[in-house]
């Protein structure tokens, strides 16, 4: 991630830079899907705001522009300051659950909740980030329906997105 300044708003933003020349077609589609899901998440006080994505084929780069989170990840905050009190854990948990409730109402499942994917503002508010393994609920439902109709009957051990289920 890099820190940048948006010219039109003079706000600091985080920019994720991806080298598209080294990305496979599958990885490119996955990242495009992540950006679409992030954009679908819309505006919510406990979800890191997706600002824009800019693909520059001439440079072989894709730039994802996101809300800048001054304090970094919740995992990093804990590492710097030590164990959280029960009261602080309850506050962070409430904020994360608020973001998840909103995502689920939008039909989006995050699927990767961990301290590294919860970012913290300068005011100490937690926000969900990293939609790399997120999926639309309708996609899971469609895949589950297709699996029930398949000859294997869902006994193959693969997750609906093609990855082996973690054991």
Foldseek 3Di string as FASTA:
>chain_A
DDWDADPVPRAIKDKDKDQQVPDDPVRVVLVVVLLVLQVLLPDDPAAWHWDDWDDDVVRSMIITIIHDAVQAFQVVVCVVPNDDDPVLVVQQVVSVVVSQVSSVVSQKDQPDDDRNQWGAHPVGHTHGHDSSPMDGNVQQVVLLVVCCVDPVNPPPQPRSVGHHDDD
